[in-house]
Amino acid sequence: MVLVKGTDEANQQVVHARRSYTGEEIVFNARFKPMIGRNAQGIPQVMVRQMGAYEIVE
């Protein structure tokens, strides 16, 4: 079971997420890729396609 707790910077609200994983889904030495980017006008946006994407950390 993984519990993630963060703060929504826009309105300073605490955000919680909970998920359970099987042993086969666990990836060691990895981190999630950033999900916040900027569009062509420079406005921050959430990149939903990046959700769950990870990279191996060496």
N, C-alpha and C. Protein backbone atom coordinates (compact mmCIF):
# COMPACT_ATOMS: atom_id res chain seq x y z
N MET A 1 0.86 -1.17 0.00
CA MET A 1 0.00 0.00 0.00
C MET A 1 0.90 1.23 0.00
N VAL A 2 0.61 2.15 -0.89
CA VAL A 2 1.37 3.39 -0.99
C VAL A 2 0.41 4.54 -0.74
N LEU A 3 0.80 5.45 0.14
CA LEU A 3 0.02 6.65 0.42
C LEU A 3 0.87 7.84 0.04
N VAL A 4 0.35 8.68 -0.84
CA VAL A 4 1.06 9.88 -1.27
C VAL A 4 0.29 11.07 -0.74
N LYS A 5 1.01 11.99 -0.13
CA LYS A 5 0.41 13.20 0.42
C LYS A 5 1.15 14.39 -0.17
N GLY A 6 0.41 15.35 -0.68
CA GLY A 6 1.03 16.53 -1.27
C GLY A 6 0.18 17.75 -1.02
N THR A 7 0.64 18.87 -1.51
CA THR A 7 -0.08 20.13 -1.35
C THR A 7 -0.37 20.71 -2.72
N ASP A 8 -1.62 21.03 -2.96
CA ASP A 8 -2.02 21.72 -4.18
C ASP A 8 -1.60 23.17 -4.03
N GLU A 9 -0.61 23.60 -4.80
CA GLU A 9 -0.06 24.94 -4.63
C GLU A 9 -1.04 26.04 -4.99
N ALA A 10 -2.02 25.74 -5.84
CA ALA A 10 -2.97 26.77 -6.27
C ALA A 10 -3.84 27.26 -5.12
N ASN A 11 -4.28 26.33 -4.26
CA ASN A 11 -5.18 26.74 -3.18
C ASN A 11 -4.74 26.23 -1.81
N GLN A 12 -3.51 25.73 -1.72
CA GLN A 12 -2.93 25.28 -0.46
C GLN A 12 -3.76 24.21 0.24
N GLN A 13 -4.37 23.33 -0.53
CA GLN A 13 -5.14 22.21 0.01
C GLN A 13 -4.25 20.96 0.04
N VAL A 14 -4.42 20.15 1.08
CA VAL A 14 -3.70 18.89 1.16
C VAL A 14 -4.41 17.87 0.26
N VAL A 15 -3.63 17.15 -0.54
CA VAL A 15 -4.17 16.17 -1.47
C VAL A 15 -3.61 14.80 -1.09
N HIS A 16 -4.48 13.78 -1.04
CA HIS A 16 -4.06 12.43 -0.69
C HIS A 16 -4.39 11.48 -1.83
N ALA A 17 -3.56 10.48 -2.02
CA ALA A 17 -3.83 9.42 -2.99
C ALA A 17 -3.37 8.11 -2.36
N ARG A 18 -4.13 7.05 -2.60
CA ARG A 18 -3.78 5.75 -2.02
C ARG A 18 -3.92 4.70 -3.11
N ARG A 19 -2.97 3.77 -3.15
CA ARG A 19 -3.01 2.71 -4.16
C ARG A 19 -2.29 1.50 -3.62
N SER A 20 -2.75 0.33 -3.99
CA SER A 20 -2.04 -0.89 -3.63
C SER A 20 -1.44 -1.49 -4.90
N TYR A 21 -0.30 -2.14 -4.74
CA TYR A 21 0.43 -2.72 -5.87
C TYR A 21 0.73 -4.19 -5.58
N THR A 22 0.82 -4.97 -6.63
CA THR A 22 1.28 -6.35 -6.48
C THR A 22 2.80 -6.35 -6.58
N GLY A 23 3.42 -7.45 -6.20
CA GLY A 23 4.88 -7.54 -6.25
C GLY A 23 5.44 -7.34 -7.64
N GLU A 24 4.73 -7.79 -8.66
CA GLU A 24 5.21 -7.65 -10.04
C GLU A 24 5.19 -6.21 -10.54
N GLU A 25 4.39 -5.36 -9.91
CA GLU A 25 4.27 -3.96 -10.35
C GLU A 25 5.32 -3.05 -9.74
N ILE A 26 6.03 -3.50 -8.73
CA ILE A 26 7.02 -2.66 -8.05
C ILE A 26 8.28 -2.56 -8.90
N VAL A 27 8.74 -1.34 -9.14
CA VAL A 27 9.96 -1.09 -9.91
C VAL A 27 10.96 -0.41 -8.97
N PHE A 28 12.05 -1.10 -8.68
CA PHE A 28 13.06 -0.54 -7.79
C PHE A 28 13.97 0.41 -8.56
N ASN A 29 14.56 1.36 -7.84
CA ASN A 29 15.48 2.37 -8.41
C ASN A 29 14.81 3.15 -9.53
N ALA A 30 13.59 3.56 -9.30
CA ALA A 30 12.87 4.34 -10.31
C ALA A 30 12.19 5.53 -9.65
N ARG A 31 11.85 6.51 -10.44
CA ARG A 31 11.09 7.67 -9.95
C ARG A 31 10.09 8.08 -11.01
N PHE A 32 9.01 8.70 -10.58
CA PHE A 32 8.00 9.17 -11.51
C PHE A 32 8.54 10.35 -12.30
N LYS A 33 8.16 10.44 -13.57
CA LYS A 33 8.54 11.58 -14.40
C LYS A 33 7.65 12.78 -14.03
N PRO A 34 8.16 13.99 -14.23
CA PRO A 34 7.35 15.18 -13.94
C PRO A 34 6.07 15.20 -14.77
N MET A 35 5.00 15.67 -14.16
CA MET A 35 3.71 15.75 -14.85
C MET A 35 3.30 17.18 -15.17
N ILE A 36 4.06 18.14 -14.72
CA ILE A 36 3.73 19.54 -14.96
C ILE A 36 4.66 20.07 -16.05
N GLY A 37 4.08 20.65 -17.07
CA GLY A 37 4.84 21.24 -18.16
C GLY A 37 4.24 22.58 -18.54
N ARG A 38 4.72 23.15 -19.60
CA ARG A 38 4.19 24.43 -20.09
C ARG A 38 3.78 24.27 -21.54
N ASN A 39 2.66 24.90 -21.89
CA ASN A 39 2.21 24.84 -23.28
C ASN A 39 2.95 25.88 -24.11
N ALA A 40 2.59 26.04 -25.37
CA ALA A 40 3.28 26.96 -26.29
C ALA A 40 3.23 28.41 -25.81
N GLN A 41 2.21 28.77 -25.04
CA GLN A 41 2.09 30.14 -24.52
C GLN A 41 2.81 30.31 -23.17
N GLY A 42 3.42 29.24 -22.68
CA GLY A 42 4.14 29.31 -21.41
C GLY A 42 3.28 29.09 -20.18
N ILE A 43 2.03 28.70 -20.38
CA ILE A 43 1.11 28.48 -19.26
C ILE A 43 1.31 27.07 -18.71
N PRO A 44 1.46 26.93 -17.38
CA PRO A 44 1.63 25.59 -16.81
C PRO A 44 0.41 24.70 -17.10
N GLN A 45 0.68 23.44 -17.33
CA GLN A 45 -0.41 22.50 -17.58
C GLN A 45 -0.02 21.12 -17.04
N VAL A 46 -1.02 20.33 -16.70
CA VAL A 46 -0.79 18.97 -16.24
C VAL A 46 -0.77 18.07 -17.46
N MET A 47 0.28 17.28 -17.60
CA MET A 47 0.42 16.36 -18.73
C MET A 47 -0.13 15.00 -18.30
N VAL A 48 -1.41 14.79 -18.54
CA VAL A 48 -2.10 13.59 -18.07
C VAL A 48 -1.48 12.33 -18.66
N ARG A 49 -0.96 12.41 -19.86
CA ARG A 49 -0.33 11.23 -20.48
C ARG A 49 0.92 10.78 -19.73
N GLN A 50 1.52 11.65 -18.94
CA GLN A 50 2.70 11.29 -18.15
C GLN A 50 2.34 10.57 -16.86
N MET A 51 1.05 10.52 -16.52
CA MET A 51 0.65 9.91 -15.27
C MET A 51 1.08 8.44 -15.25
N GLY A 52 1.84 8.10 -14.23
CA GLY A 52 2.32 6.73 -14.09
C GLY A 52 3.62 6.45 -14.83
N ALA A 53 4.09 7.40 -15.64
CA ALA A 53 5.36 7.20 -16.37
C ALA A 53 6.52 7.33 -15.39
N TYR A 54 7.52 6.48 -15.56
CA TYR A 54 8.66 6.51 -14.64
C TYR A 54 9.95 6.35 -15.43
N GLU A 55 11.06 6.64 -14.74
CA GLU A 55 12.38 6.47 -15.31
C GLU A 55 13.26 5.78 -14.28
N ILE A 56 14.19 4.98 -14.75
CA ILE A 56 15.10 4.27 -13.87
C ILE A 56 16.20 5.24 -13.41
N VAL A 57 16.50 5.22 -12.13
CA VAL A 57 17.53 6.08 -11.54
C VAL A 57 18.76 5.22 -11.34
N GLU A 58 19.88 5.68 -11.85
CA GLU A 58 21.13 4.91 -11.72
C GLU A 58 21.95 5.39 -10.57
